[in-house]
Amino acid sequence: MVQSFSVVFLYWFYVFMKSASEN
């Protein structure tokens, strides 16, 4: 359960960084 949360957090972090680099 905790591990799944970590994966989701890392995924959103990746999306955030990707969108930040595009702008």
N, C-alpha and C. Protein backbone atom coordinates (compact mmCIF):
# COMPACT_ATOMS: atom_id res chain seq x y z
N MET A 1 0.85 -1.20 0.00
CA MET A 1 0.00 0.00 0.00
C MET A 1 0.88 1.25 0.00
N VAL A 2 1.86 1.27 0.88
CA VAL A 2 2.78 2.41 0.94
C VAL A 2 3.61 2.48 -0.33
N GLN A 3 3.98 1.30 -0.83
CA GLN A 3 4.80 1.26 -2.04
C GLN A 3 4.02 1.80 -3.23
N SER A 4 2.73 1.49 -3.29
CA SER A 4 1.89 1.98 -4.39
C SER A 4 1.80 3.50 -4.33
N PHE A 5 1.68 4.04 -3.13
CA PHE A 5 1.62 5.49 -2.95
C PHE A 5 2.90 6.15 -3.44
N SER A 6 4.03 5.51 -3.19
CA SER A 6 5.32 6.04 -3.63
C SER A 6 5.39 6.08 -5.15
N VAL A 7 4.85 5.05 -5.80
CA VAL A 7 4.87 5.00 -7.26
C VAL A 7 4.02 6.13 -7.84
N VAL A 8 2.86 6.34 -7.24
CA VAL A 8 1.97 7.41 -7.71
C VAL A 8 2.63 8.77 -7.50
N PHE A 9 3.29 8.95 -6.36
CA PHE A 9 3.96 10.21 -6.07
C PHE A 9 5.07 10.47 -7.07
N LEU A 10 5.87 9.45 -7.36
CA LEU A 10 6.96 9.60 -8.33
C LEU A 10 6.41 9.89 -9.72
N TYR A 11 5.28 9.28 -10.05
CA TYR A 11 4.67 9.51 -11.37
C TYR A 11 4.23 10.96 -11.51
N TRP A 12 3.54 11.47 -10.49
CA TRP A 12 3.09 12.86 -10.54
C TRP A 12 4.27 13.82 -10.52
N PHE A 13 5.33 13.46 -9.81
CA PHE A 13 6.53 14.30 -9.78
C PHE A 13 7.15 14.38 -11.16
N TYR A 14 7.17 13.24 -11.87
CA TYR A 14 7.71 13.18 -13.22
C TYR A 14 6.86 14.04 -14.16
N VAL A 15 5.56 13.93 -14.06
CA VAL A 15 4.65 14.71 -14.91
C VAL A 15 4.83 16.20 -14.63
N PHE A 16 4.98 16.55 -13.35
CA PHE A 16 5.15 17.95 -12.98
C PHE A 16 6.44 18.52 -13.56
N MET A 17 7.52 17.78 -13.44
CA MET A 17 8.81 18.23 -13.96
C MET A 17 8.78 18.31 -15.48
N LYS A 18 8.09 17.37 -16.12
CA LYS A 18 8.00 17.36 -17.58
C LYS A 18 7.24 18.59 -18.06
N SER A 19 6.12 18.89 -17.43
CA SER A 19 5.32 20.04 -17.83
C SER A 19 6.05 21.34 -17.51
N ALA A 20 6.81 21.35 -16.43
CA ALA A 20 7.55 22.55 -16.05
C ALA A 20 8.66 22.83 -17.05
N SER A 21 9.27 21.80 -17.58
CA SER A 21 10.36 21.98 -18.53
C SER A 21 9.83 22.41 -19.89
N GLU A 22 8.59 22.06 -20.19
CA GLU A 22 8.01 22.43 -21.48
C GLU A 22 7.63 23.90 -21.50
N ASN A 23 7.22 24.43 -20.35
CA ASN A 23 6.81 25.84 -20.30
C ASN A 23 8.01 26.76 -20.17
